[in-house]
Amino acid sequence: MELPKLNAEEARVLGALVEKETTTPEYYPLSLNALMNACNQKSSRDPVMTLTEDEVRQALHGLERRGFAGAVRGSESRVAKYEHRLAEVFNFRRDESALLGCLLLRGAQTPGELRTRTERMFAFEDAEAVLTGLQKLSEREPALVRQMARQPGSREARWVQLLGGSDERETQAGTADASGAREPGPEPLQSRIARLEEEVARLRERVDALQIAQHLD
């Protein structure tokens, strides 16, 4: 299987569908308006985007051609609802979907950051469990994620998804040594900052969820 390359809009739409499946299951699958709001929310997104309804619709068409997402089959709703189909394409477990979804939404991240930021999608026991999940994704054929070269002064190497839509400078920044040596855990300060960021993001997501509900038809 040749790995398709998504554009930025397709990556954001796919990531938003993966996230909302578990964080707001009462609203999933999503209507077009709800999906647009999920893509454009200011919390848990890097970069923040402002997609139009037409851009979201075009992104959905691109994802549907690849089998990654589409309208709910056999739905009796008068309004089209959309879902992702990564489990069908890649036979994903919940932890794998959470990791890839978070990388699609927030770019390259360390295992420590991913553990904190995926907490609402999947509760990893520790950073080691996150790293194990990332390595499994990297060992697929084709690989879905890659470990980047560790930056000077950083104790953890970041990981990036390979479906596309991210900054090309990240994907071209190089990979870590092929030795496969595991990096030490995150510094306490880094971990605390990531956790505080996530707590703020959760509060913002509650507001975003209310906005999504208001736009549901």
N, C-alpha and C. Protein backbone atom coordinates (compact mmCIF):
# COMPACT_ATOMS: atom_id res chain seq x y z
N MET A 1 0.84 -1.20 0.00
CA MET A 1 0.00 0.00 0.00
C MET A 1 0.87 1.24 0.00
N GLU A 2 0.61 2.13 -0.96
CA GLU A 2 1.34 3.39 -1.01
C GLU A 2 0.65 4.40 -0.11
N LEU A 3 1.43 5.04 0.75
CA LEU A 3 0.85 5.97 1.72
C LEU A 3 0.46 7.26 1.02
N PRO A 4 -0.82 7.65 1.08
CA PRO A 4 -1.25 8.89 0.43
C PRO A 4 -0.75 10.10 1.20
N LYS A 5 -0.63 11.22 0.53
CA LYS A 5 -0.22 12.45 1.17
C LYS A 5 -1.40 13.41 1.24
N LEU A 6 -1.77 13.75 2.44
CA LEU A 6 -2.90 14.65 2.65
C LEU A 6 -2.43 16.10 2.61
N ASN A 7 -3.32 16.99 2.18
CA ASN A 7 -3.00 18.41 2.32
C ASN A 7 -3.39 18.86 3.72
N ALA A 8 -3.12 20.12 4.04
CA ALA A 8 -3.33 20.61 5.40
C ALA A 8 -4.79 20.53 5.82
N GLU A 9 -5.70 20.83 4.89
CA GLU A 9 -7.13 20.79 5.21
C GLU A 9 -7.60 19.36 5.45
N GLU A 10 -7.15 18.43 4.64
CA GLU A 10 -7.53 17.03 4.81
C GLU A 10 -7.02 16.47 6.13
N ALA A 11 -5.77 16.83 6.47
CA ALA A 11 -5.21 16.36 7.74
C ALA A 11 -5.98 16.90 8.93
N ARG A 12 -6.38 18.17 8.86
CA ARG A 12 -7.14 18.76 9.96
C ARG A 12 -8.52 18.11 10.10
N VAL A 13 -9.20 17.89 8.98
CA VAL A 13 -10.52 17.27 9.02
C VAL A 13 -10.43 15.85 9.58
N LEU A 14 -9.45 15.10 9.12
CA LEU A 14 -9.30 13.72 9.59
C LEU A 14 -8.97 13.69 11.08
N GLY A 15 -8.06 14.54 11.51
CA GLY A 15 -7.72 14.59 12.93
C GLY A 15 -8.91 14.98 13.80
N ALA A 16 -9.71 15.93 13.32
CA ALA A 16 -10.87 16.38 14.09
C ALA A 16 -11.90 15.25 14.22
N LEU A 17 -12.11 14.48 13.17
CA LEU A 17 -13.05 13.36 13.24
C LEU A 17 -12.57 12.30 14.24
N VAL A 18 -11.27 12.02 14.21
CA VAL A 18 -10.72 11.04 15.15
C VAL A 18 -10.90 11.51 16.59
N GLU A 19 -10.60 12.78 16.83
CA GLU A 19 -10.70 13.32 18.17
C GLU A 19 -12.14 13.30 18.69
N LYS A 20 -13.08 13.81 17.88
CA LYS A 20 -14.45 13.97 18.35
C LYS A 20 -15.17 12.64 18.53
N GLU A 21 -14.69 11.58 17.87
CA GLU A 21 -15.31 10.27 18.06
C GLU A 21 -15.28 9.85 19.52
N THR A 22 -14.21 10.21 20.23
CA THR A 22 -14.08 9.79 21.63
C THR A 22 -14.30 10.91 22.62
N THR A 23 -13.99 12.17 22.26
CA THR A 23 -14.14 13.26 23.23
C THR A 23 -15.56 13.79 23.32
N THR A 24 -16.30 13.74 22.21
CA THR A 24 -17.72 14.16 22.22
C THR A 24 -18.55 13.13 21.45
N PRO A 25 -18.62 11.90 21.97
CA PRO A 25 -19.33 10.84 21.24
C PRO A 25 -20.82 11.13 21.04
N GLU A 26 -21.39 11.98 21.90
CA GLU A 26 -22.81 12.30 21.76
C GLU A 26 -23.10 13.11 20.50
N TYR A 27 -22.07 13.75 19.92
CA TYR A 27 -22.25 14.54 18.71
C TYR A 27 -21.65 13.87 17.48
N TYR A 28 -21.11 12.67 17.64
CA TYR A 28 -20.42 11.97 16.55
C TYR A 28 -21.31 10.88 15.99
N PRO A 29 -21.32 10.66 14.67
CA PRO A 29 -20.65 11.38 13.58
C PRO A 29 -21.09 12.85 13.52
N LEU A 30 -20.29 13.66 12.82
CA LEU A 30 -20.48 15.09 12.84
C LEU A 30 -21.16 15.60 11.57
N SER A 31 -22.03 16.59 11.76
CA SER A 31 -22.58 17.30 10.60
C SER A 31 -21.47 18.17 10.03
N LEU A 32 -21.70 18.72 8.85
CA LEU A 32 -20.69 19.57 8.21
C LEU A 32 -20.38 20.79 9.06
N ASN A 33 -21.41 21.41 9.63
CA ASN A 33 -21.18 22.59 10.49
C ASN A 33 -20.41 22.23 11.74
N ALA A 34 -20.77 21.11 12.36
CA ALA A 34 -20.07 20.68 13.56
C ALA A 34 -18.61 20.35 13.25
N LEU A 35 -18.38 19.72 12.12
CA LEU A 35 -17.01 19.38 11.73
C LEU A 35 -16.19 20.63 11.45
N MET A 36 -16.79 21.62 10.81
CA MET A 36 -16.08 22.88 10.55
C MET A 36 -15.67 23.54 11.86
N ASN A 37 -16.59 23.55 12.85
CA ASN A 37 -16.24 24.13 14.15
C ASN A 37 -15.15 23.34 14.85
N ALA A 38 -15.17 22.02 14.71
CA ALA A 38 -14.14 21.19 15.32
C ALA A 38 -12.78 21.47 14.68
N CYS A 39 -12.77 21.69 13.38
CA CYS A 39 -11.51 21.99 12.69
C CYS A 39 -10.95 23.34 13.10
N ASN A 40 -11.85 24.29 13.36
CA ASN A 40 -11.43 25.67 13.61
C ASN A 40 -11.30 26.04 15.08
N GLN A 41 -11.53 25.10 15.98
CA GLN A 41 -11.44 25.45 17.40
C GLN A 41 -10.02 25.89 17.74
N LYS A 42 -9.93 26.76 18.72
CA LYS A 42 -8.64 27.37 19.07
C LYS A 42 -7.85 26.53 20.07
N SER A 43 -8.50 25.60 20.74
CA SER A 43 -7.80 24.75 21.70
C SER A 43 -7.36 23.46 21.02
N SER A 44 -6.23 22.93 21.46
CA SER A 44 -5.72 21.63 21.00
C SER A 44 -5.49 21.59 19.49
N ARG A 45 -5.09 22.72 18.92
CA ARG A 45 -4.81 22.79 17.48
C ARG A 45 -3.51 23.54 17.25
N ASP A 46 -2.67 23.02 16.38
CA ASP A 46 -1.44 23.71 16.02
C ASP A 46 -1.10 23.35 14.56
N PRO A 47 -1.28 24.30 13.66
CA PRO A 47 -1.70 25.69 13.89
C PRO A 47 -3.21 25.80 13.99
N VAL A 48 -3.68 26.92 14.53
CA VAL A 48 -5.11 27.23 14.50
C VAL A 48 -5.47 27.58 13.06
N MET A 49 -6.57 27.04 12.57
CA MET A 49 -6.98 27.27 11.19
C MET A 49 -8.38 27.88 11.16
N THR A 50 -8.72 28.49 10.03
CA THR A 50 -10.05 29.04 9.82
C THR A 50 -10.55 28.52 8.48
N LEU A 51 -11.08 27.32 8.49
CA LEU A 51 -11.54 26.68 7.27
C LEU A 51 -12.98 27.09 6.97
N THR A 52 -13.28 27.29 5.71
CA THR A 52 -14.64 27.58 5.30
C THR A 52 -15.39 26.27 5.12
N GLU A 53 -16.71 26.37 5.03
CA GLU A 53 -17.52 25.17 4.80
C GLU A 53 -17.12 24.48 3.50
N ASP A 54 -16.83 25.26 2.47
CA ASP A 54 -16.44 24.67 1.19
C ASP A 54 -15.10 23.95 1.30
N GLU A 55 -14.17 24.52 2.07
CA GLU A 55 -12.86 23.88 2.23
C GLU A 55 -13.00 22.56 2.99
N VAL A 56 -13.86 22.53 3.99
CA VAL A 56 -14.09 21.29 4.73
C VAL A 56 -14.74 20.26 3.81
N ARG A 57 -15.68 20.70 3.00
CA ARG A 57 -16.35 19.78 2.07
C ARG A 57 -15.36 19.21 1.06
N GLN A 58 -14.49 20.05 0.53
CA GLN A 58 -13.49 19.57 -0.41
C GLN A 58 -12.52 18.60 0.25
N ALA A 59 -12.15 18.88 1.49
CA ALA A 59 -11.27 17.97 2.23
C ALA A 59 -11.94 16.62 2.44
N LEU A 60 -13.23 16.64 2.73
CA LEU A 60 -13.97 15.39 2.89
C LEU A 60 -13.99 14.59 1.59
N HIS A 61 -14.13 15.27 0.46
CA HIS A 61 -14.10 14.58 -0.83
C HIS A 61 -12.76 13.88 -1.03
N GLY A 62 -11.67 14.60 -0.69
CA GLY A 62 -10.34 14.00 -0.82
C GLY A 62 -10.15 12.80 0.08
N LEU A 63 -10.63 12.90 1.32
CA LEU A 63 -10.51 11.79 2.26
C LEU A 63 -11.36 10.60 1.83
N GLU A 64 -12.53 10.89 1.25
CA GLU A 64 -13.41 9.81 0.81
C GLU A 64 -12.79 9.05 -0.35
N ARG A 65 -12.11 9.74 -1.24
CA ARG A 65 -11.45 9.07 -2.36
C ARG A 65 -10.40 8.08 -1.86
N ARG A 66 -9.79 8.39 -0.74
CA ARG A 66 -8.76 7.52 -0.17
C ARG A 66 -9.34 6.48 0.78
N GLY A 67 -10.62 6.58 1.07
CA GLY A 67 -11.26 5.65 1.98
C GLY A 67 -11.04 5.99 3.44
N PHE A 68 -10.53 7.21 3.74
CA PHE A 68 -10.22 7.58 5.11
C PHE A 68 -11.42 8.13 5.88
N ALA A 69 -12.39 8.68 5.19
CA ALA A 69 -13.56 9.28 5.84
C ALA A 69 -14.67 9.40 4.83
N GLY A 70 -15.88 9.66 5.32
CA GLY A 70 -17.00 9.83 4.41
C GLY A 70 -18.30 9.95 5.17
N ALA A 71 -19.37 10.12 4.42
CA ALA A 71 -20.69 10.22 5.03
C ALA A 71 -21.08 8.87 5.63
N VAL A 72 -21.85 8.92 6.71
CA VAL A 72 -22.30 7.70 7.38
C VAL A 72 -23.17 6.90 6.42
N ARG A 73 -22.87 5.63 6.32
CA ARG A 73 -23.61 4.77 5.40
C ARG A 73 -24.94 4.35 6.01
N GLY A 74 -25.98 4.41 5.19
CA GLY A 74 -27.29 3.95 5.65
C GLY A 74 -27.94 4.82 6.69
N SER A 75 -27.48 6.06 6.82
CA SER A 75 -28.07 6.95 7.82
C SER A 75 -29.44 7.43 7.37
N GLU A 76 -30.38 7.50 8.32
CA GLU A 76 -31.72 8.00 8.02
C GLU A 76 -31.86 9.48 8.33
N SER A 77 -30.78 10.09 8.78
CA SER A 77 -30.83 11.51 9.11
C SER A 77 -30.97 12.35 7.84
N ARG A 78 -31.73 13.43 7.94
CA ARG A 78 -31.90 14.32 6.80
C ARG A 78 -30.63 15.13 6.54
N VAL A 79 -29.80 15.25 7.55
CA VAL A 79 -28.54 15.98 7.43
C VAL A 79 -27.40 14.98 7.35
N ALA A 80 -26.52 15.17 6.38
CA ALA A 80 -25.37 14.27 6.22
C ALA A 80 -24.46 14.35 7.44
N LYS A 81 -24.04 13.20 7.94
CA LYS A 81 -23.10 13.13 9.06
C LYS A 81 -21.85 12.40 8.57
N TYR A 82 -20.69 12.82 9.09
CA TYR A 82 -19.43 12.31 8.59
C TYR A 82 -18.63 11.61 9.68
N GLU A 83 -17.90 10.58 9.26
CA GLU A 83 -17.10 9.78 10.18
C GLU A 83 -15.76 9.45 9.53
N HIS A 84 -14.76 9.13 10.36
CA HIS A 84 -13.48 8.65 9.81
C HIS A 84 -13.54 7.13 9.70
N ARG A 85 -12.68 6.57 8.87
CA ARG A 85 -12.66 5.12 8.65
C ARG A 85 -11.25 4.56 8.77
N LEU A 86 -10.46 5.14 9.67
CA LEU A 86 -9.10 4.67 9.84
C LEU A 86 -9.04 3.23 10.35
N ALA A 87 -10.01 2.87 11.19
CA ALA A 87 -10.02 1.50 11.71
C ALA A 87 -10.18 0.50 10.57
N GLU A 88 -10.98 0.86 9.56
CA GLU A 88 -11.18 -0.03 8.42
C GLU A 88 -9.94 -0.10 7.54
N VAL A 89 -9.29 1.05 7.34
CA VAL A 89 -8.14 1.11 6.44
C VAL A 89 -6.91 0.47 7.06
N PHE A 90 -6.65 0.78 8.34
CA PHE A 90 -5.42 0.35 8.99
C PHE A 90 -5.61 -0.68 10.10
N ASN A 91 -6.85 -1.06 10.39
CA ASN A 91 -7.12 -1.99 11.48
C ASN A 91 -6.55 -1.47 12.80
N PHE A 92 -6.81 -0.21 13.07
CA PHE A 92 -6.28 0.46 14.25
C PHE A 92 -6.95 -0.01 15.54
N ARG A 93 -6.17 0.02 16.63
CA ARG A 93 -6.70 -0.03 17.97
C ARG A 93 -6.95 1.41 18.43
N ARG A 94 -7.62 1.58 19.56
CA ARG A 94 -7.95 2.92 20.05
C ARG A 94 -6.70 3.73 20.37
N ASP A 95 -5.68 3.09 20.93
CA ASP A 95 -4.47 3.85 21.26
C ASP A 95 -3.77 4.35 20.01
N GLU A 96 -3.78 3.56 18.94
CA GLU A 96 -3.14 3.97 17.70
C GLU A 96 -3.90 5.13 17.06
N SER A 97 -5.22 5.05 17.07
CA SER A 97 -6.03 6.15 16.53
C SER A 97 -5.78 7.43 17.30
N ALA A 98 -5.68 7.33 18.64
CA ALA A 98 -5.46 8.51 19.46
C ALA A 98 -4.13 9.17 19.14
N LEU A 99 -3.09 8.37 19.00
CA LEU A 99 -1.77 8.93 18.70
C LEU A 99 -1.74 9.61 17.34
N LEU A 100 -2.25 8.93 16.33
CA LEU A 100 -2.22 9.52 14.99
C LEU A 100 -3.12 10.76 14.93
N GLY A 101 -4.29 10.69 15.57
CA GLY A 101 -5.18 11.84 15.57
C GLY A 101 -4.55 13.06 16.21
N CYS A 102 -3.86 12.86 17.31
CA CYS A 102 -3.21 13.98 18.00
C CYS A 102 -2.08 14.56 17.17
N LEU A 103 -1.32 13.71 16.50
CA LEU A 103 -0.24 14.19 15.64
C LEU A 103 -0.80 14.95 14.44
N LEU A 104 -1.93 14.53 13.92
CA LEU A 104 -2.57 15.24 12.81
C LEU A 104 -3.03 16.64 13.24
N LEU A 105 -3.48 16.76 14.48
CA LEU A 105 -4.04 18.02 14.95
C LEU A 105 -2.99 18.99 15.49
N ARG A 106 -1.87 18.46 16.01
CA ARG A 106 -0.95 19.34 16.73
C ARG A 106 0.50 19.24 16.28
N GLY A 107 0.76 18.53 15.19
CA GLY A 107 2.12 18.47 14.68
C GLY A 107 3.03 17.58 15.51
N ALA A 108 4.33 17.72 15.26
CA ALA A 108 5.33 16.88 15.93
C ALA A 108 5.31 17.08 17.44
N GLN A 109 5.37 15.98 18.19
CA GLN A 109 5.30 16.03 19.65
C GLN A 109 6.17 14.94 20.26
N THR A 110 6.54 15.14 21.52
CA THR A 110 7.28 14.13 22.26
C THR A 110 6.31 13.12 22.86
N PRO A 111 6.80 11.94 23.25
CA PRO A 111 5.92 10.98 23.92
C PRO A 111 5.27 11.54 25.18
N GLY A 112 6.01 12.37 25.93
CA GLY A 112 5.43 12.97 27.12
C GLY A 112 4.27 13.89 26.80
N GLU A 113 4.44 14.70 25.76
CA GLU A 113 3.35 15.58 25.35
C GLU A 113 2.16 14.79 24.84
N LEU A 114 2.43 13.75 24.07
CA LEU A 114 1.35 12.93 23.53
C LEU A 114 0.57 12.23 24.64
N ARG A 115 1.26 11.77 25.65
CA ARG A 115 0.55 11.10 26.75
C ARG A 115 -0.45 12.05 27.40
N THR A 116 -0.03 13.29 27.63
CA THR A 116 -0.92 14.26 28.26
C THR A 116 -2.06 14.67 27.33
N ARG A 117 -1.74 14.89 26.06
CA ARG A 117 -2.71 15.46 25.13
C ARG A 117 -3.70 14.44 24.57
N THR A 118 -3.39 13.16 24.69
CA THR A 118 -4.32 12.13 24.22
C THR A 118 -5.18 11.57 25.35
N GLU A 119 -5.07 12.15 26.54
CA GLU A 119 -5.71 11.56 27.72
C GLU A 119 -7.20 11.37 27.55
N ARG A 120 -7.87 12.30 26.86
CA ARG A 120 -9.32 12.18 26.68
C ARG A 120 -9.68 11.19 25.58
N MET A 121 -8.73 10.86 24.72
CA MET A 121 -8.98 9.88 23.66
C MET A 121 -8.58 8.48 24.08
N PHE A 122 -7.47 8.38 24.83
CA PHE A 122 -7.01 7.09 25.33
C PHE A 122 -6.07 7.34 26.51
N ALA A 123 -6.27 6.61 27.60
CA ALA A 123 -5.47 6.81 28.80
C ALA A 123 -4.25 5.88 28.77
N PHE A 124 -3.12 6.41 28.36
CA PHE A 124 -1.88 5.63 28.38
C PHE A 124 -1.36 5.54 29.81
N GLU A 125 -0.83 4.38 30.15
CA GLU A 125 -0.35 4.18 31.51
C GLU A 125 0.83 5.08 31.84
N ASP A 126 1.74 5.23 30.88
CA ASP A 126 2.92 6.08 31.08
C ASP A 126 3.50 6.42 29.71
N ALA A 127 4.58 7.22 29.73
CA ALA A 127 5.21 7.63 28.47
C ALA A 127 5.80 6.43 27.73
N GLU A 128 6.19 5.40 28.48
CA GLU A 128 6.73 4.20 27.85
C GLU A 128 5.66 3.52 26.98
N ALA A 129 4.43 3.51 27.45
CA ALA A 129 3.34 2.92 26.68
C ALA A 129 3.08 3.73 25.41
N VAL A 130 3.22 5.07 25.50
CA VAL A 130 3.09 5.91 24.32
C VAL A 130 4.18 5.58 23.32
N LEU A 131 5.40 5.45 23.81
CA LEU A 131 6.53 5.15 22.93
C LEU A 131 6.35 3.80 22.25
N THR A 132 5.83 2.84 22.97
CA THR A 132 5.57 1.52 22.37
C THR A 132 4.55 1.65 21.24
N GLY A 133 3.49 2.43 21.47
CA GLY A 133 2.50 2.63 20.42
C GLY A 133 3.08 3.34 19.21
N LEU A 134 3.92 4.33 19.44
CA LEU A 134 4.55 5.05 18.34
C LEU A 134 5.46 4.14 17.53
N GLN A 135 6.20 3.29 18.22
CA GLN A 135 7.10 2.38 17.51
C GLN A 135 6.34 1.39 16.65
N LYS A 136 5.17 0.95 17.14
CA LYS A 136 4.35 0.04 16.34
C LYS A 136 3.85 0.73 15.08
N LEU A 137 3.46 1.98 15.22
CA LEU A 137 3.01 2.74 14.05
C LEU A 137 4.16 2.96 13.06
N SER A 138 5.37 3.12 13.60
CA SER A 138 6.53 3.35 12.73
C SER A 138 7.00 2.08 12.04
N GLU A 139 6.61 0.92 12.58
CA GLU A 139 7.04 -0.36 12.01
C GLU A 139 6.03 -0.92 11.01
N ARG A 140 4.91 -0.21 10.82
CA ARG A 140 3.94 -0.65 9.82
C ARG A 140 4.54 -0.49 8.42
N GLU A 141 3.91 -1.14 7.46
CA GLU A 141 4.34 -1.03 6.07
C GLU A 141 3.19 -0.52 5.21
N PRO A 142 3.20 0.75 4.84
CA PRO A 142 4.25 1.74 5.09
C PRO A 142 4.14 2.33 6.49
N ALA A 143 5.23 2.95 6.95
CA ALA A 143 5.24 3.57 8.27
C ALA A 143 4.29 4.75 8.31
N LEU A 144 3.63 4.94 9.44
CA LEU A 144 2.68 6.04 9.60
C LEU A 144 3.23 7.19 10.44
N VAL A 145 4.27 6.91 11.23
CA VAL A 145 4.91 7.96 12.02
C VAL A 145 6.42 7.75 11.94
N ARG A 146 7.15 8.79 12.35
CA ARG A 146 8.61 8.70 12.34
C ARG A 146 9.17 9.51 13.49
N GLN A 147 10.22 8.98 14.09
CA GLN A 147 10.91 9.71 15.14
C GLN A 147 11.91 10.66 14.51
N MET A 148 11.88 11.91 14.95
CA MET A 148 12.77 12.92 14.42
C MET A 148 14.07 12.97 15.23
N ALA A 149 15.06 13.58 14.65
CA ALA A 149 16.32 13.75 15.37
C ALA A 149 16.09 14.62 16.60
N ARG A 150 16.69 14.25 17.70
CA ARG A 150 16.52 15.02 18.94
C ARG A 150 17.17 16.39 18.79
N GLN A 151 16.46 17.41 19.19
CA GLN A 151 16.98 18.76 19.10
C GLN A 151 17.96 19.04 20.23
N PRO A 152 18.96 19.87 19.99
CA PRO A 152 19.94 20.21 21.03
C PRO A 152 19.25 20.75 22.28
N GLY A 153 19.65 20.23 23.43
CA GLY A 153 19.08 20.69 24.69
C GLY A 153 17.78 20.03 25.08
N SER A 154 17.25 19.18 24.22
CA SER A 154 16.00 18.49 24.52
C SER A 154 16.28 17.07 24.98
N ARG A 155 15.53 16.59 25.97
CA ARG A 155 15.73 15.24 26.48
C ARG A 155 14.90 14.21 25.74
N GLU A 156 13.90 14.67 25.00
CA GLU A 156 13.04 13.76 24.26
C GLU A 156 13.02 14.13 22.78
N ALA A 157 13.05 13.12 21.94
CA ALA A 157 12.87 13.33 20.51
C ALA A 157 11.39 13.45 20.19
N ARG A 158 11.05 14.26 19.22
CA ARG A 158 9.66 14.40 18.80
C ARG A 158 9.35 13.37 17.71
N TRP A 159 8.05 13.09 17.59
CA TRP A 159 7.55 12.19 16.56
C TRP A 159 6.61 12.95 15.64
N VAL A 160 6.59 12.58 14.36
CA VAL A 160 5.76 13.26 13.38
C VAL A 160 4.98 12.22 12.58
N GLN A 161 3.73 12.53 12.21
CA GLN A 161 2.95 11.62 11.37
C GLN A 161 3.36 11.81 9.91
N LEU A 162 3.17 10.77 9.12
CA LEU A 162 3.66 10.77 7.74
C LEU A 162 2.54 10.79 6.70
N LEU A 163 1.30 11.03 7.13
CA LEU A 163 0.21 11.11 6.17
C LEU A 163 0.22 12.42 5.39
N GLY A 164 0.90 13.43 5.92
CA GLY A 164 0.97 14.71 5.24
C GLY A 164 0.22 15.78 5.99
N GLY A 165 0.21 16.98 5.38
CA GLY A 165 -0.49 18.10 5.97
C GLY A 165 0.29 18.87 7.00
N SER A 166 1.46 18.37 7.40
CA SER A 166 2.26 19.06 8.41
C SER A 166 3.34 19.88 7.73
N ASP A 167 4.03 20.67 8.53
CA ASP A 167 5.11 21.50 8.03
C ASP A 167 6.19 20.62 7.43
N GLU A 168 6.54 20.89 6.18
CA GLU A 168 7.56 20.07 5.52
C GLU A 168 8.91 20.15 6.24
N ARG A 169 9.16 21.26 6.92
CA ARG A 169 10.43 21.35 7.65
C ARG A 169 10.51 20.31 8.75
N GLU A 170 9.35 19.93 9.30
CA GLU A 170 9.35 18.90 10.34
C GLU A 170 9.69 17.54 9.75
N THR A 171 9.03 17.18 8.64
CA THR A 171 9.23 15.85 8.08
C THR A 171 10.60 15.70 7.44
N GLN A 172 11.25 16.80 7.12
CA GLN A 172 12.56 16.73 6.51
C GLN A 172 13.69 17.00 7.51
N ALA A 173 13.32 17.16 8.78
CA ALA A 173 14.32 17.52 9.78
C ALA A 173 15.23 16.37 10.15
N GLY A 174 14.91 15.18 9.64
CA GLY A 174 15.77 14.04 9.92
C GLY A 174 15.18 13.11 10.94
N THR A 175 15.62 11.88 10.95
CA THR A 175 15.13 10.90 11.91
C THR A 175 16.19 10.67 12.98
N ALA A 176 15.77 10.03 14.05
CA ALA A 176 16.70 9.70 15.11
C ALA A 176 17.59 8.56 14.65
N ASP A 177 18.64 8.29 15.41
CA ASP A 177 19.57 7.21 15.07
C ASP A 177 18.83 5.90 14.93
N ALA A 178 19.27 5.08 14.01
CA ALA A 178 18.60 3.80 13.74
C ALA A 178 18.81 2.80 14.85
N SER A 179 19.57 3.15 15.87
CA SER A 179 19.84 2.22 16.96
C SER A 179 18.57 1.86 17.71
N GLY A 180 17.56 2.75 17.66
CA GLY A 180 16.29 2.48 18.34
C GLY A 180 16.38 2.71 19.83
N ALA A 181 17.43 3.35 20.30
CA ALA A 181 17.57 3.59 21.72
C ALA A 181 16.45 4.50 22.21
N ARG A 182 15.88 4.18 23.33
CA ARG A 182 14.77 4.94 23.86
C ARG A 182 15.27 6.14 24.63
N GLU A 183 14.56 7.22 24.46
CA GLU A 183 14.94 8.45 25.12
C GLU A 183 14.45 8.44 26.57
N PRO A 184 15.15 9.16 27.44
CA PRO A 184 14.66 9.27 28.81
C PRO A 184 13.37 10.06 28.87
N GLY A 185 12.67 9.95 30.00
CA GLY A 185 11.38 10.61 30.15
C GLY A 185 11.51 12.12 30.13
N PRO A 186 10.39 12.82 30.03
CA PRO A 186 10.41 14.26 29.94
C PRO A 186 10.87 14.89 31.25
N GLU A 187 11.43 16.09 31.16
CA GLU A 187 11.82 16.81 32.35
C GLU A 187 10.57 17.17 33.14
N PRO A 188 10.66 17.22 34.46
CA PRO A 188 9.49 17.52 35.28
C PRO A 188 8.81 18.82 34.87
N LEU A 189 9.60 19.89 34.61
CA LEU A 189 9.01 21.16 34.23
C LEU A 189 8.25 21.03 32.91
N GLN A 190 8.83 20.34 31.95
CA GLN A 190 8.17 20.15 30.66
C GLN A 190 6.86 19.41 30.84
N SER A 191 6.86 18.39 31.68
CA SER A 191 5.65 17.62 31.92
C SER A 191 4.58 18.47 32.58
N ARG A 192 4.98 19.30 33.55
CA ARG A 192 4.00 20.15 34.24
C ARG A 192 3.40 21.17 33.29
N ILE A 193 4.23 21.75 32.43
CA ILE A 193 3.73 22.74 31.47
C ILE A 193 2.74 22.09 30.52
N ALA A 194 3.08 20.89 30.03
CA ALA A 194 2.18 20.19 29.11
C ALA A 194 0.84 19.89 29.78
N ARG A 195 0.89 19.50 31.07
CA ARG A 195 -0.35 19.18 31.77
C ARG A 195 -1.21 20.43 31.99
N LEU A 196 -0.56 21.55 32.32
CA LEU A 196 -1.31 22.79 32.49
C LEU A 196 -1.94 23.24 31.17
N GLU A 197 -1.19 23.08 30.08
CA GLU A 197 -1.73 23.43 28.76
C GLU A 197 -2.96 22.59 28.45
N GLU A 198 -2.89 21.31 28.80
CA GLU A 198 -4.01 20.43 28.51
C GLU A 198 -5.22 20.77 29.35
N GLU A 199 -5.00 21.16 30.62
CA GLU A 199 -6.12 21.54 31.47
C GLU A 199 -6.84 22.77 30.91
N VAL A 200 -6.05 23.74 30.43
CA VAL A 200 -6.64 24.92 29.80
C VAL A 200 -7.40 24.52 28.54
N ALA A 201 -6.80 23.59 27.76
CA ALA A 201 -7.44 23.13 26.52
C ALA A 201 -8.77 22.45 26.82
N ARG A 202 -8.84 21.70 27.92
CA ARG A 202 -10.09 21.02 28.27
C ARG A 202 -11.19 22.02 28.55
N LEU A 203 -10.86 23.10 29.25
CA LEU A 203 -11.86 24.12 29.54
C LEU A 203 -12.34 24.76 28.25
N ARG A 204 -11.41 25.01 27.33
CA ARG A 204 -11.80 25.61 26.06
C ARG A 204 -12.64 24.64 25.23
N GLU A 205 -12.33 23.36 25.32
CA GLU A 205 -13.08 22.38 24.55
C GLU A 205 -14.53 22.27 25.03
N ARG A 206 -14.75 22.51 26.33
CA ARG A 206 -16.12 22.50 26.82
C ARG A 206 -16.94 23.60 26.16
N VAL A 207 -16.30 24.77 26.00
CA VAL A 207 -16.97 25.86 25.30
C VAL A 207 -17.18 25.50 23.84
N ASP A 208 -16.15 24.91 23.21
CA ASP A 208 -16.26 24.52 21.81
C ASP A 208 -17.36 23.49 21.60
N ALA A 209 -17.49 22.55 22.55
CA ALA A 209 -18.53 21.52 22.43
C ALA A 209 -19.92 22.14 22.46
N LEU A 210 -20.10 23.17 23.28
CA LEU A 210 -21.39 23.86 23.31
C LEU A 210 -21.66 24.56 21.99
N GLN A 211 -20.60 25.14 21.39
CA GLN A 211 -20.77 25.79 20.11
C GLN A 211 -21.11 24.79 19.02
N ILE A 212 -20.47 23.62 19.08
CA ILE A 212 -20.77 22.57 18.10
C ILE A 212 -22.22 22.14 18.21
N ALA A 213 -22.69 21.97 19.44
CA ALA A 213 -24.06 21.55 19.66
C ALA A 213 -25.05 22.54 19.07
N GLN A 214 -24.71 23.82 19.18
CA GLN A 214 -25.61 24.84 18.67
C GLN A 214 -25.71 24.82 17.15
N HIS A 215 -24.64 24.30 16.51
CA HIS A 215 -24.62 24.27 15.05
C HIS A 215 -25.14 22.94 14.46
N LEU A 216 -25.47 22.00 15.35
CA LEU A 216 -26.00 20.75 14.84
C LEU A 216 -27.42 20.95 14.32
N ASP A 217 -27.70 20.38 13.18
CA ASP A 217 -29.04 20.50 12.60
C ASP A 217 -29.94 19.40 13.11
